[in-house]
Amino acid sequence: MTPSHTGITRSSVHVDHALITPESHVPLHLPAWQGVETVVLISAEMGAGFSQYLVTCGAGAQMTPLRPGEEYFLFVLEGTVAVGAGERDWHLGGEEFAYLASDGDWQLSAAEGSRLLIFARTYAALAGVEAPHTLRGSLAEVAKEPFLGDEGALLQVLLPDDIAFDWGINVFEFVPGGTLPQVESHFMEHGLYLLEGQGVYRLSDSWYPVQQGDAIWMGPYVLQWFAATGKSNSRYIYYKEMQRAPLG
């Protein structure tokens, strides 16, 4: 959808969910992220317990942690980035990713025109459990597993299934006509970004047409379900809380 002066947008924000579409993006500049334009897709101001950012890098882009105690997951959408974390020195390209631990010991630089999707939250420590260390990976190297045996819904799990991690980041891929197996409702939040394709997402009692570049927030217990449409596969990356009991 092209921005216009008609007041029309597909974006829709509610107390328990939101759809944020590209025509309503408002870029801004954050103090610790120099030379980049940032669109805050999801944040605490919305009611979420995490943040989700879409970052476009300009010349001389440099990034460091925004707040003490936060952990980050960055996914390269386009271009290349360089990450320094302690003794680690990585270069990441398209659909490569990094988990950046909550110790805050990292710096990032990027080529002009690079685009990143970033999830962030304050790490929830467990007594007697060492916090996870920074790691990197590539989507091409992560196995696609049929979800609950369904070959039309393939799941890629990007972070280790380890109690030290308090969140999960996954990629779902659906064939045209593929769906989630049930309408879900749970205490875990989700933050989602459509990487490819299109479909229909049920959020609460509303159904939204969604497509590449759309972002979704799903609050606790919101009803949720997805069906892929179109003539090619649809993929989205999403965040969820893991390995921790409900706060209430």
Protein backbone atom coordinates (compact mmCIF):
# COMPACT_ATOMS: atom_id res chain seq x y z
CA MET A 1 0.00 0.00 0.00
CA THR A 2 1.39 3.39 -1.01
CA PRO A 3 1.24 6.20 1.59
CA SER A 4 -1.48 8.66 0.72
CA HIS A 5 -3.51 11.51 2.16
CA THR A 6 -6.69 9.45 2.43
CA GLY A 7 -6.17 8.33 6.04
CA ILE A 8 -6.24 4.68 4.95
CA THR A 9 -3.84 2.12 6.41
CA ARG A 10 -3.83 -1.60 7.10
CA SER A 11 -2.21 -0.96 10.49
CA SER A 12 -4.47 -1.70 13.45
CA VAL A 13 -3.54 -1.30 17.14
CA HIS A 14 -5.53 -2.72 20.07
CA VAL A 15 -4.97 -3.38 23.77
CA ASP A 16 -4.05 -7.04 23.18
CA HIS A 17 -2.62 -7.09 19.64
CA ALA A 18 -1.38 -4.94 16.78
CA LEU A 19 -0.67 -5.12 13.07
CA ILE A 20 1.97 -2.59 11.97
CA THR A 21 2.30 -2.20 8.21
CA PRO A 22 4.98 -0.31 6.23
CA GLU A 23 2.85 2.67 5.21
CA SER A 24 2.52 3.71 8.87
CA HIS A 25 6.24 3.45 9.77
CA VAL A 26 7.82 6.50 11.42
CA PRO A 27 11.66 6.27 11.42
CA LEU A 28 13.60 7.82 14.28
CA HIS A 29 17.16 8.04 15.60
CA LEU A 30 18.15 6.37 18.89
CA PRO A 31 21.15 7.76 20.81
CA ALA A 32 23.12 4.51 21.03
CA TRP A 33 22.51 3.64 17.37
CA GLN A 34 24.40 6.12 15.24
CA GLY A 35 23.92 6.42 11.50
CA VAL A 36 20.77 4.29 11.42
CA GLU A 37 17.05 4.89 11.01
CA THR A 38 14.97 2.82 13.40
CA VAL A 39 11.30 1.94 13.25
CA VAL A 40 10.05 0.78 16.65
CA LEU A 41 7.53 -1.87 15.69
CA ILE A 42 6.72 -3.15 19.21
CA SER A 43 7.60 -1.72 22.63
CA ALA A 44 6.52 -1.41 26.26
CA GLU A 45 4.45 1.67 25.38
CA MET A 46 2.21 -0.69 23.40
CA GLY A 47 1.90 -3.01 26.40
CA ALA A 48 4.56 -5.53 25.34
CA GLY A 49 7.24 -7.07 27.54
CA PHE A 50 9.86 -6.84 24.78
CA SER A 51 10.87 -4.60 21.89
CA GLN A 52 11.05 -5.23 18.15
CA TYR A 53 12.95 -2.90 15.83
CA LEU A 54 13.40 -2.53 12.09
CA VAL A 55 16.75 -0.87 11.38
CA THR A 56 18.07 0.63 8.13
CA CYS A 57 21.77 1.46 8.19
CA GLY A 58 23.37 4.53 6.65
CA ALA A 59 27.02 5.41 6.10
CA GLY A 60 29.12 4.80 9.21
CA ALA A 61 26.39 2.92 11.08
CA GLN A 62 27.44 1.98 14.62
CA MET A 63 25.33 0.28 17.31
CA THR A 64 25.80 -0.64 20.98
CA PRO A 65 23.28 -1.87 23.61
CA LEU A 66 20.43 0.53 24.37
CA ARG A 67 20.04 -0.42 28.07
CA PRO A 68 22.00 -2.43 30.66
CA GLY A 69 20.80 -5.99 31.18
CA GLU A 70 19.09 -6.34 27.80
CA GLU A 71 19.65 -9.28 25.47
CA TYR A 72 19.30 -8.92 21.70
CA PHE A 73 18.60 -11.10 18.70
CA LEU A 74 19.50 -9.58 15.36
CA PHE A 75 18.50 -11.01 11.98
CA VAL A 76 20.01 -9.61 8.79
CA LEU A 77 17.33 -8.90 6.18
CA GLU A 78 19.65 -7.29 3.62
CA GLY A 79 23.31 -6.34 3.33
CA THR A 80 26.12 -7.14 5.75
CA VAL A 81 26.99 -6.29 9.35
CA ALA A 82 30.09 -6.73 11.51
CA VAL A 83 29.63 -7.76 15.14
CA GLY A 84 32.31 -7.58 17.80
CA ALA A 85 31.46 -9.34 21.08
CA GLY A 86 34.33 -9.90 23.48
CA GLU A 87 36.91 -11.93 21.55
CA ARG A 88 34.40 -12.72 18.80
CA ASP A 89 34.51 -10.87 15.49
CA TRP A 90 31.80 -11.87 13.03
CA HIS A 91 30.55 -10.76 9.63
CA LEU A 92 26.91 -11.58 8.95
CA GLY A 93 25.06 -11.52 5.63
CA GLY A 94 21.47 -12.01 4.53
CA GLU A 95 19.39 -14.35 6.73
CA GLU A 96 22.25 -14.81 9.18
CA PHE A 97 21.67 -13.97 12.83
CA ALA A 98 23.28 -13.42 16.21
CA TYR A 99 22.16 -13.73 19.82
CA LEU A 100 23.84 -10.95 21.84
CA ALA A 101 23.98 -11.73 25.55
CA SER A 102 22.80 -9.42 28.32
CA ASP A 103 26.33 -8.64 29.53
CA GLY A 104 26.30 -5.78 27.00
CA ASP A 105 29.73 -6.59 25.58
CA TRP A 106 29.06 -6.02 21.89
CA GLN A 107 29.38 -3.45 19.11
CA LEU A 108 27.96 -3.53 15.60
CA SER A 109 28.82 -1.75 12.38
CA ALA A 110 27.06 -2.14 9.06
CA ALA A 111 27.34 -1.31 5.40
CA GLU A 112 25.10 1.43 4.09
CA GLY A 113 21.74 0.06 2.99
CA SER A 114 21.84 -2.95 5.32
CA ARG A 115 18.54 -3.78 7.01
CA LEU A 116 18.13 -5.62 10.31
CA LEU A 117 15.27 -6.98 12.38
CA ILE A 118 16.08 -6.84 16.10
CA PHE A 119 14.31 -8.28 19.13
CA ALA A 120 15.30 -7.09 22.62
CA ARG A 121 14.23 -7.69 26.21
CA THR A 122 15.59 -7.55 29.75
CA TYR A 123 17.08 -10.96 30.50
CA ALA A 124 15.14 -12.95 33.14
CA ALA A 125 17.83 -14.74 35.14
CA LEU A 126 17.30 -18.05 36.97
CA ALA A 127 19.02 -18.72 40.30
CA GLY A 128 21.90 -21.15 39.83
CA VAL A 129 21.73 -21.02 36.02
CA GLU A 130 24.47 -19.29 34.04
CA ALA A 131 23.20 -16.77 31.50
CA PRO A 132 23.62 -17.81 27.85
CA HIS A 133 26.60 -16.68 25.84
CA THR A 134 26.60 -14.76 22.57
CA LEU A 135 26.24 -16.97 19.49
CA ARG A 136 25.74 -16.72 15.75
CA GLY A 137 23.99 -18.79 13.08
CA SER A 138 22.58 -18.93 9.57
CA LEU A 139 19.02 -19.74 8.57
CA ALA A 140 20.38 -21.89 5.73
CA GLU A 141 22.04 -24.16 8.30
CA VAL A 142 18.96 -24.68 10.49
CA ALA A 143 16.87 -27.79 9.78
CA LYS A 144 13.24 -27.38 8.72
CA GLU A 145 11.04 -29.70 10.77
CA PRO A 146 7.38 -30.49 10.01
CA PHE A 147 5.32 -28.89 12.76
CA LEU A 148 3.33 -31.61 14.53
CA GLY A 149 4.02 -33.81 11.51
CA ASP A 150 2.54 -31.37 8.98
CA GLU A 151 4.78 -31.08 5.87
CA GLY A 152 2.93 -27.90 4.91
CA ALA A 153 4.12 -26.05 8.03
CA LEU A 154 7.89 -26.19 8.53
CA LEU A 155 9.53 -24.85 11.69
CA GLN A 156 13.13 -23.67 12.14
CA VAL A 157 14.28 -23.19 15.75
CA LEU A 158 17.08 -20.60 15.87
CA LEU A 159 18.08 -20.68 19.55
CA PRO A 160 19.11 -23.70 21.65
CA ASP A 161 16.45 -25.51 23.68
CA ASP A 162 18.25 -24.70 26.92
CA ILE A 163 16.82 -23.49 30.22
CA ALA A 164 19.37 -20.66 30.25
CA PHE A 165 17.45 -18.99 27.40
CA ASP A 166 14.32 -17.11 28.42
CA TRP A 167 13.01 -16.72 24.89
CA GLY A 168 12.77 -18.52 21.58
CA ILE A 169 13.16 -17.14 18.05
CA ASN A 170 11.75 -19.34 15.28
CA VAL A 171 10.91 -19.18 11.59
CA PHE A 172 7.70 -20.73 10.26
CA GLU A 173 7.31 -21.55 6.55
CA PHE A 174 3.91 -22.47 5.08
CA VAL A 175 2.92 -23.79 1.68
CA PRO A 176 -0.04 -22.00 0.03
CA GLY A 177 -3.09 -23.12 1.97
CA GLY A 178 -0.99 -24.21 4.96
CA THR A 179 -2.26 -23.24 8.39
CA LEU A 180 -1.47 -23.38 12.05
CA PRO A 181 -3.15 -26.52 13.38
CA GLN A 182 -5.34 -24.75 15.94
CA VAL A 183 -6.46 -21.39 17.24
CA GLU A 184 -3.95 -20.80 20.05
CA SER A 185 -4.30 -18.92 23.33
CA HIS A 186 -1.46 -18.79 25.89
CA PHE A 187 0.31 -16.51 28.34
CA MET A 188 3.34 -16.08 26.08
CA GLU A 189 3.63 -12.98 23.92
CA HIS A 190 4.70 -13.01 20.28
CA GLY A 191 6.44 -10.49 18.08
CA LEU A 192 6.32 -11.42 14.38
CA TYR A 193 7.68 -10.15 11.06
CA LEU A 194 6.59 -11.42 7.62
CA LEU A 195 9.71 -12.32 5.64
CA GLU A 196 7.99 -13.57 2.51
CA GLY A 197 4.57 -14.24 1.04
CA GLN A 198 1.13 -13.42 2.33
CA GLY A 199 -1.75 -14.80 4.32
CA VAL A 200 -4.51 -14.13 6.81
CA TYR A 201 -3.86 -13.78 10.54
CA ARG A 202 -6.60 -14.14 13.15
CA LEU A 203 -5.89 -11.92 16.17
CA SER A 204 -8.56 -11.93 18.88
CA ASP A 205 -11.85 -11.77 16.96
CA SER A 206 -10.44 -10.00 13.88
CA TRP A 207 -8.95 -11.41 10.66
CA TYR A 208 -6.19 -9.42 8.97
CA PRO A 209 -4.70 -9.82 5.48
CA VAL A 210 -0.91 -9.75 5.93
CA GLN A 211 2.06 -9.69 3.58
CA GLN A 212 5.84 -9.36 3.41
CA GLY A 213 7.09 -6.49 5.58
CA ASP A 214 4.20 -6.56 8.07
CA ALA A 215 4.82 -6.84 11.82
CA ILE A 216 2.46 -8.25 14.45
CA TRP A 217 2.30 -8.05 18.24
CA MET A 218 0.26 -10.71 20.04
CA GLY A 219 -0.30 -10.03 23.73
CA PRO A 220 -0.89 -12.67 26.41
CA TYR A 221 -3.85 -14.97 25.73
CA VAL A 222 -4.89 -13.26 22.50
CA LEU A 223 -6.53 -15.75 20.13
CA GLN A 224 -4.19 -16.38 17.17
CA TRP A 225 -4.21 -18.41 13.96
CA PHE A 226 -2.61 -18.13 10.51
CA ALA A 227 -3.41 -19.35 7.00
CA ALA A 228 -1.03 -18.86 4.06
CA THR A 229 -2.51 -17.60 0.78
CA GLY A 230 -1.12 -16.69 -2.62
CA LYS A 231 0.85 -18.94 -5.00
CA SER A 232 4.19 -19.16 -3.19
CA ASN A 233 5.35 -20.13 0.28
CA SER A 234 4.98 -17.70 3.17
CA ARG A 235 7.57 -17.27 5.94
CA TYR A 236 7.66 -15.33 9.17
CA ILE A 237 10.12 -14.98 12.03
CA TYR A 238 8.72 -14.67 15.54
CA TYR A 239 9.64 -14.19 19.20
CA LYS A 240 8.12 -15.96 22.19
CA GLU A 241 8.92 -16.30 25.88
CA MET A 242 10.39 -19.65 26.88
CA GLN A 243 11.59 -21.59 29.94
CA ARG A 244 10.04 -19.24 32.49
CA ALA A 245 6.87 -19.43 34.62
CA PRO A 246 4.10 -16.85 34.21
CA LEU A 247 4.79 -13.64 36.12
CA GLY A 248 1.34 -13.36 37.71
